[in-house]
Amino acid sequence: MNKISKKSMHEAADWLIRQQEKPLTDSEQKQLQGWLEADKDNQLAWQRAQHFINQVDTLPKDIAYAVLNRLDDATRRLNIGKLALLLASGPLIWGGYKTVDSQQWNADYRTAKGQQKQVTLPDGTMVKLNTATAFDISFNDKARLLSLREGEIQVHTVSTHSQQLPSFTIKTQDAILSPLDANFTVRQYSGLTRLGVIEGQVEASPSLLKNTQDNTISTGYQIELSSHGVLSRKALASETTSWLDNMLAVHNMPLNQFIREVSRYHRGLLRVSPDIENIDISGAFPLKNINTIFSMLSHTYPIQINSHLRNYWVTLEAV
């Protein structure tokens, strides 16, 4: 790998951030061209910067935000330096992030961001995986265990009355779920688990609390649990199961929270301007086409959609 001067790397990082903040003017384009022609190292550094942009979706979001987001002058200068170091590290290091990510996804069953699929377990249980979901199974003579690492699933268990099968159990980070001939959804949040029962019954217990009350959830109800107790119990909401129809249904959800939900399906960075983050969003939005969601927002609310990097980086701002 050719060694490129630190000065050229730093200047390439500066030009790259300027280019991502807004389109370069004609004058700036001429300055960039003059800078490229002035030094071979500048050309090599700029090639490295373009390669970085093509690989940006393999990087952790906190790094991408740090170097591409709109920044005040002091923070911008600091992150130009960070980006210059990242450019200097080269593609082998960038690719390493992707390798680490794949190691985190070595589960028995998994989906990538934006992907959904259905699988049939060895006992005939059907499981539908929503976006960015991973789980493991352990089936033997004594137990049938599904361990949800992250994400969201729909489970449709099979009748075991005529079969000599051990009980079926689902473990999340917060709860232990024991269904009986049931159709239900489970979502792992940070710090809590949500169970929604479409049909049948599921016994739900906090993982760190001995079950001292009846937590049997029946058809048409949902429950949220932490590892220490039950947080809520109510009628099953359409928002809980809308993903099964490839829709995102919300009612009076603040825009910043809504965009966090959309980001589960979008391979890129989504940013909401602080002055519009509390706009309440309601409606049903198609998950198969994120651009349609952006279009619906801009036509219904005073929101402007600004896209960069082939729609990888999207900013929502006030009109």
Protein backbone atom coordinates (compact mmCIF):
# COMPACT_ATOMS: atom_id res chain seq x y z
CA MET A 1 0.00 0.00 0.00
CA ASN A 2 1.39 3.40 -0.97
CA LYS A 3 2.23 5.65 1.94
CA ILE A 4 0.42 8.97 1.64
CA SER A 5 1.44 12.14 3.44
CA LYS A 6 -0.54 13.14 6.56
CA LYS A 7 -1.07 16.61 5.05
CA SER A 8 -2.75 15.15 1.95
CA MET A 9 -4.89 12.83 4.08
CA HIS A 10 -6.04 15.70 6.28
CA GLU A 11 -6.86 17.90 3.27
CA ALA A 12 -8.71 15.02 1.56
CA ALA A 13 -10.78 14.53 4.72
CA ASP A 14 -11.59 18.25 4.73
CA TRP A 15 -12.71 18.16 1.09
CA LEU A 16 -14.78 15.04 1.66
CA ILE A 17 -16.69 16.55 4.58
CA ARG A 18 -17.24 19.80 2.64
CA GLN A 19 -18.58 17.78 -0.28
CA GLN A 20 -21.02 15.89 1.96
CA GLU A 21 -22.26 19.00 3.76
CA LYS A 22 -23.53 20.59 0.54
CA PRO A 23 -22.79 20.54 -3.21
CA LEU A 24 -19.55 22.29 -4.07
CA THR A 25 -19.82 25.59 -5.91
CA ASP A 26 -18.11 26.06 -9.28
CA SER A 27 -15.35 27.96 -7.51
CA GLU A 28 -14.88 25.17 -4.97
CA GLN A 29 -14.84 22.55 -7.75
CA LYS A 30 -11.96 24.47 -9.40
CA GLN A 31 -10.15 24.64 -6.04
CA LEU A 32 -10.56 20.89 -5.59
CA GLN A 33 -9.25 20.24 -9.12
CA GLY A 34 -6.28 22.53 -8.51
CA TRP A 35 -5.54 20.74 -5.24
CA LEU A 36 -5.64 17.36 -7.04
CA GLU A 37 -3.24 18.53 -9.75
CA ALA A 38 -0.81 20.05 -7.26
CA ASP A 39 0.48 16.81 -5.75
CA LYS A 40 0.38 13.10 -6.53
CA ASP A 41 -0.23 12.39 -2.83
CA ASN A 42 -3.35 14.54 -3.05
CA GLN A 43 -4.63 12.34 -5.89
CA LEU A 44 -3.91 9.15 -3.91
CA ALA A 45 -5.57 10.58 -0.79
CA TRP A 46 -8.65 11.56 -2.80
CA GLN A 47 -8.87 8.06 -4.32
CA ARG A 48 -8.77 6.68 -0.78
CA ALA A 49 -11.55 9.11 0.24
CA GLN A 50 -13.75 7.99 -2.66
CA HIS A 51 -13.16 4.36 -1.75
CA PHE A 52 -14.16 5.18 1.81
CA ILE A 53 -17.48 6.64 0.62
CA ASN A 54 -18.18 3.50 -1.40
CA GLN A 55 -17.58 1.39 1.71
CA VAL A 56 -19.30 3.66 4.22
CA ASP A 57 -22.25 1.32 4.84
CA THR A 58 -19.87 -1.28 6.31
CA LEU A 59 -18.81 1.07 9.09
CA PRO A 60 -20.38 1.35 12.55
CA LYS A 61 -22.96 4.13 12.62
CA ASP A 62 -21.26 6.06 15.42
CA ILE A 63 -18.13 6.42 13.29
CA ALA A 64 -20.10 7.39 10.19
CA TYR A 65 -22.11 9.97 12.14
CA ALA A 66 -18.96 11.41 13.67
CA VAL A 67 -17.31 12.10 10.34
CA LEU A 68 -20.27 12.90 8.08
CA ASN A 69 -22.85 14.67 10.24
CA ARG A 70 -23.29 18.45 10.31
CA LEU A 71 -20.93 19.83 12.92
CA ASP A 72 -19.99 23.05 14.60
CA ASP A 73 -16.58 24.41 13.67
CA ALA A 74 -14.69 23.03 16.68
CA THR A 75 -16.16 19.55 16.42
CA ARG A 76 -15.74 19.62 12.65
CA ARG A 77 -12.01 20.24 12.97
CA LEU A 78 -11.67 17.41 15.47
CA ASN A 79 -13.50 14.96 13.24
CA ILE A 80 -11.58 15.94 10.12
CA GLY A 81 -8.61 14.60 12.04
CA LYS A 82 -10.51 11.42 12.93
CA LEU A 83 -11.54 10.91 9.32
CA ALA A 84 -7.97 11.50 8.14
CA LEU A 85 -6.81 8.72 10.49
CA LEU A 86 -9.57 6.45 9.22
CA LEU A 87 -8.61 7.13 5.61
CA ALA A 88 -4.98 6.45 6.45
CA SER A 89 -5.89 3.08 7.99
CA GLY A 90 -7.01 1.85 4.59
CA PRO A 91 -9.55 -0.63 3.23
CA LEU A 92 -8.19 -3.58 5.21
CA ILE A 93 -9.21 -1.89 8.45
CA TRP A 94 -12.60 -0.76 7.07
CA GLY A 95 -13.27 -4.31 5.96
CA GLY A 96 -12.42 -5.45 9.47
CA TYR A 97 -15.54 -3.71 10.76
CA LYS A 98 -17.61 -5.87 8.45
CA THR A 99 -15.85 -8.99 9.71
CA VAL A 100 -16.56 -8.07 13.33
CA ASP A 101 -20.20 -7.45 12.44
CA SER A 102 -20.50 -10.85 10.79
CA GLN A 103 -18.99 -12.50 13.87
CA GLN A 104 -21.75 -10.93 15.96
CA TRP A 105 -24.28 -12.51 13.61
CA ASN A 106 -23.14 -16.12 13.83
CA ALA A 107 -26.51 -17.16 15.25
CA ASP A 108 -28.37 -20.29 14.14
CA TYR A 109 -31.00 -18.15 12.38
CA ARG A 110 -30.69 -14.48 11.43
CA THR A 111 -31.82 -11.72 9.09
CA ALA A 112 -29.97 -8.67 7.85
CA LYS A 113 -31.32 -5.15 8.17
CA GLY A 114 -34.37 -4.74 5.95
CA GLN A 115 -34.78 -8.50 5.49
CA GLN A 116 -37.62 -10.75 6.66
CA LYS A 117 -37.92 -14.50 6.31
CA GLN A 118 -39.78 -17.52 7.67
CA VAL A 119 -38.18 -20.72 8.92
CA THR A 120 -39.48 -24.05 10.20
CA LEU A 121 -37.75 -25.47 13.25
CA PRO A 122 -36.98 -29.22 13.60
CA ASP A 123 -40.21 -29.83 15.57
CA GLY A 124 -42.39 -28.06 12.98
CA THR A 125 -42.66 -24.74 14.84
CA MET A 126 -42.84 -21.86 12.35
CA VAL A 127 -40.90 -18.69 13.07
CA LYS A 128 -40.97 -15.47 11.06
CA LEU A 129 -37.96 -13.20 11.57
CA ASN A 130 -38.31 -9.45 11.22
CA THR A 131 -35.46 -7.13 10.24
CA ALA A 132 -32.06 -7.44 11.98
CA THR A 133 -33.06 -10.46 14.06
CA ALA A 134 -30.98 -13.34 15.40
CA PHE A 135 -31.75 -16.36 17.54
CA ASP A 136 -30.30 -19.73 18.52
CA ILE A 137 -32.05 -23.03 19.20
CA SER A 138 -31.23 -25.95 21.47
CA PHE A 139 -33.43 -28.99 20.86
CA ASN A 140 -32.85 -32.26 22.73
CA ASP A 141 -34.74 -34.95 24.67
CA LYS A 142 -35.25 -32.63 27.65
CA ALA A 143 -36.05 -29.24 26.16
CA ARG A 144 -36.89 -27.21 23.09
CA LEU A 145 -35.29 -23.81 23.63
CA LEU A 146 -35.25 -20.73 21.39
CA SER A 147 -32.89 -17.97 22.60
CA LEU A 148 -33.65 -14.59 21.02
CA ARG A 149 -30.45 -12.56 20.74
CA GLU A 150 -31.99 -9.45 19.20
CA GLY A 151 -34.80 -8.32 16.95
CA GLU A 152 -38.37 -9.51 16.58
CA ILE A 153 -40.08 -12.80 15.75
CA GLN A 154 -43.49 -14.33 15.22
CA VAL A 155 -43.80 -17.85 16.56
CA HIS A 156 -46.52 -20.35 15.65
CA THR A 157 -46.05 -23.45 17.78
CA VAL A 158 -47.27 -26.92 16.85
CA SER A 159 -49.55 -29.17 18.88
CA THR A 160 -47.61 -31.66 21.00
CA HIS A 161 -50.58 -33.60 22.40
CA SER A 162 -49.91 -36.58 20.14
CA GLN A 163 -46.13 -36.27 20.29
CA GLN A 164 -43.64 -37.08 23.02
CA LEU A 165 -41.91 -33.72 22.90
CA PRO A 166 -40.45 -31.67 25.78
CA SER A 167 -41.88 -28.24 26.55
CA PHE A 168 -41.07 -25.33 24.23
CA THR A 169 -39.46 -22.24 25.81
CA ILE A 170 -38.28 -18.88 24.54
CA LYS A 171 -35.61 -16.97 26.41
CA THR A 172 -34.92 -13.29 25.81
CA GLN A 173 -32.57 -10.97 27.67
CA ASP A 174 -35.40 -10.16 30.08
CA ALA A 175 -37.97 -12.94 30.10
CA ILE A 176 -38.83 -16.61 29.88
CA LEU A 177 -41.86 -17.39 27.72
CA SER A 178 -43.72 -20.70 27.76
CA PRO A 179 -46.34 -21.02 24.99
CA LEU A 180 -48.91 -23.77 24.44
CA ASP A 181 -50.33 -24.13 20.91
CA ALA A 182 -49.96 -20.39 20.40
CA ASN A 183 -49.35 -17.79 17.70
CA PHE A 184 -47.52 -14.76 19.08
CA THR A 185 -44.84 -12.11 18.52
CA VAL A 186 -41.79 -11.32 20.64
CA ARG A 187 -39.61 -8.23 20.35
CA GLN A 188 -36.35 -7.63 22.18
CA TYR A 189 -35.89 -3.99 23.09
CA SER A 190 -32.99 -2.56 25.08
CA GLY A 191 -33.95 -3.43 28.64
CA LEU A 192 -37.36 -4.95 28.00
CA THR A 193 -39.22 -7.65 26.09
CA ARG A 194 -42.65 -7.24 24.48
CA LEU A 195 -44.93 -10.24 23.95
CA GLY A 196 -48.10 -10.00 21.85
CA VAL A 197 -50.46 -13.00 21.74
CA ILE A 198 -52.39 -13.34 18.48
CA GLU A 199 -53.90 -16.71 19.37
CA GLY A 200 -53.58 -19.12 22.29
CA GLN A 201 -51.82 -18.57 25.60
CA VAL A 202 -48.26 -17.79 26.65
CA GLU A 203 -46.91 -17.74 30.19
CA ALA A 204 -44.45 -14.87 30.63
CA SER A 205 -42.00 -14.57 33.53
CA PRO A 206 -39.29 -11.99 34.27
CA SER A 207 -35.94 -13.75 34.08
CA LEU A 208 -34.64 -12.48 37.45
CA LEU A 209 -37.86 -12.63 39.48
CA LYS A 210 -39.58 -15.72 40.78
CA ASN A 211 -43.05 -15.77 39.28
CA THR A 212 -45.49 -15.09 42.12
CA GLN A 213 -48.51 -14.08 40.05
CA ASP A 214 -50.47 -15.26 37.05
CA ASN A 215 -48.68 -13.91 33.97
CA THR A 216 -50.55 -16.04 31.47
CA ILE A 217 -51.22 -13.81 28.46
CA SER A 218 -54.21 -14.86 26.34
CA THR A 219 -55.43 -14.12 22.82
CA GLY A 220 -55.66 -10.41 22.08
CA TYR A 221 -53.34 -9.12 24.79
CA GLN A 222 -49.75 -7.99 25.08
CA ILE A 223 -47.27 -7.52 27.91
CA GLU A 224 -43.93 -5.79 28.41
CA LEU A 225 -41.42 -7.17 30.90
CA SER A 226 -38.04 -6.21 32.27
CA SER A 227 -35.86 -8.83 33.91
CA HIS A 228 -37.26 -7.69 37.28
CA GLY A 229 -40.99 -7.41 36.65
CA VAL A 230 -44.00 -6.66 34.49
CA LEU A 231 -44.00 -3.14 33.06
CA SER A 232 -47.37 -3.10 31.27
CA ARG A 233 -50.25 -5.32 30.23
CA LYS A 234 -52.92 -4.23 27.74
CA ALA A 235 -54.98 -5.17 24.69
CA LEU A 236 -52.93 -6.22 21.66
CA ALA A 237 -52.21 -3.10 19.58
CA SER A 238 -52.18 -3.06 15.79
CA GLU A 239 -48.76 -1.40 15.98
CA THR A 240 -47.40 -4.59 17.56
CA THR A 241 -48.32 -6.87 14.66
CA SER A 242 -48.33 -4.51 11.65
CA TRP A 243 -44.86 -5.69 10.59
CA LEU A 244 -46.40 -9.08 9.74
CA ASP A 245 -48.16 -7.28 6.87
CA ASN A 246 -44.96 -5.39 5.92
CA MET A 247 -46.33 -2.19 7.40
CA LEU A 248 -45.23 0.19 10.15
CA ALA A 249 -48.36 1.41 11.94
CA VAL A 250 -48.07 4.25 14.46
CA HIS A 251 -50.38 6.60 16.31
CA ASN A 252 -49.18 9.99 17.58
CA MET A 253 -45.57 8.82 17.71
CA PRO A 254 -42.96 11.62 17.96
CA LEU A 255 -40.96 11.93 14.75
CA ASN A 256 -37.61 11.12 16.38
CA GLN A 257 -39.06 7.87 17.78
CA PHE A 258 -40.73 7.10 14.45
CA ILE A 259 -37.43 7.52 12.62
CA ARG A 260 -35.74 5.17 15.08
CA GLU A 261 -38.33 2.58 14.06
CA VAL A 262 -37.72 3.26 10.36
CA SER A 263 -33.96 3.01 10.91
CA ARG A 264 -34.43 -0.66 11.83
CA TYR A 265 -35.17 -1.29 8.15
CA HIS A 266 -32.86 1.29 6.51
CA ARG A 267 -29.23 0.46 5.73
CA GLY A 268 -27.89 3.90 6.40
CA LEU A 269 -27.98 6.96 8.62
CA LEU A 270 -31.19 8.81 9.45
CA ARG A 271 -31.02 12.16 11.22
CA VAL A 272 -33.86 14.39 12.48
CA SER A 273 -33.39 18.11 13.00
CA PRO A 274 -34.12 18.98 16.67
CA ASP A 275 -36.75 21.58 15.76
CA ILE A 276 -39.09 18.96 14.26
CA GLU A 277 -38.29 15.87 16.32
CA ASN A 278 -41.50 16.14 18.39
CA ILE A 279 -43.97 16.27 15.48
CA ASP A 280 -46.55 13.52 16.10
CA ILE A 281 -46.75 10.97 13.30
CA SER A 282 -49.76 8.74 12.63
CA GLY A 283 -50.56 6.31 9.85
CA ALA A 284 -49.50 3.06 8.20
CA PHE A 285 -46.25 3.08 6.21
CA PRO A 286 -44.89 0.39 3.82
CA LEU A 287 -41.72 -1.26 5.06
CA LYS A 288 -40.71 -2.60 1.65
CA ASN A 289 -40.00 0.88 0.29
CA ILE A 290 -38.33 3.30 2.69
CA ASN A 291 -38.33 6.05 0.03
CA THR A 292 -42.13 5.87 0.00
CA ILE A 293 -42.10 6.52 3.75
CA PHE A 294 -39.97 9.63 3.22
CA SER A 295 -42.31 10.79 0.45
CA MET A 296 -45.38 10.28 2.65
CA LEU A 297 -43.78 12.28 5.44
CA SER A 298 -42.82 15.19 3.19
CA HIS A 299 -46.31 15.35 1.64
CA THR A 300 -48.18 15.12 4.95
CA TYR A 301 -46.04 17.07 7.40
CA PRO A 302 -43.85 20.21 7.23
CA ILE A 303 -40.79 18.06 6.66
CA GLN A 304 -38.06 18.32 4.03
CA ILE A 305 -36.04 15.24 3.09
CA ASN A 306 -32.37 15.75 2.19
CA SER A 307 -30.51 12.69 0.88
CA HIS A 308 -26.77 12.14 0.44
CA LEU A 309 -24.52 9.25 -0.53
CA ARG A 310 -27.05 7.52 -2.77
CA ASN A 311 -29.74 7.78 -0.09
CA TYR A 312 -27.49 6.20 2.54
CA TRP A 313 -27.46 9.35 4.66
CA VAL A 314 -30.86 11.06 5.02
CA THR A 315 -31.61 14.20 7.03
CA LEU A 316 -35.13 15.34 7.92
CA GLU A 317 -35.44 19.10 8.38
CA ALA A 318 -38.20 21.69 8.70
CA VAL A 319 -39.60 23.07 5.46
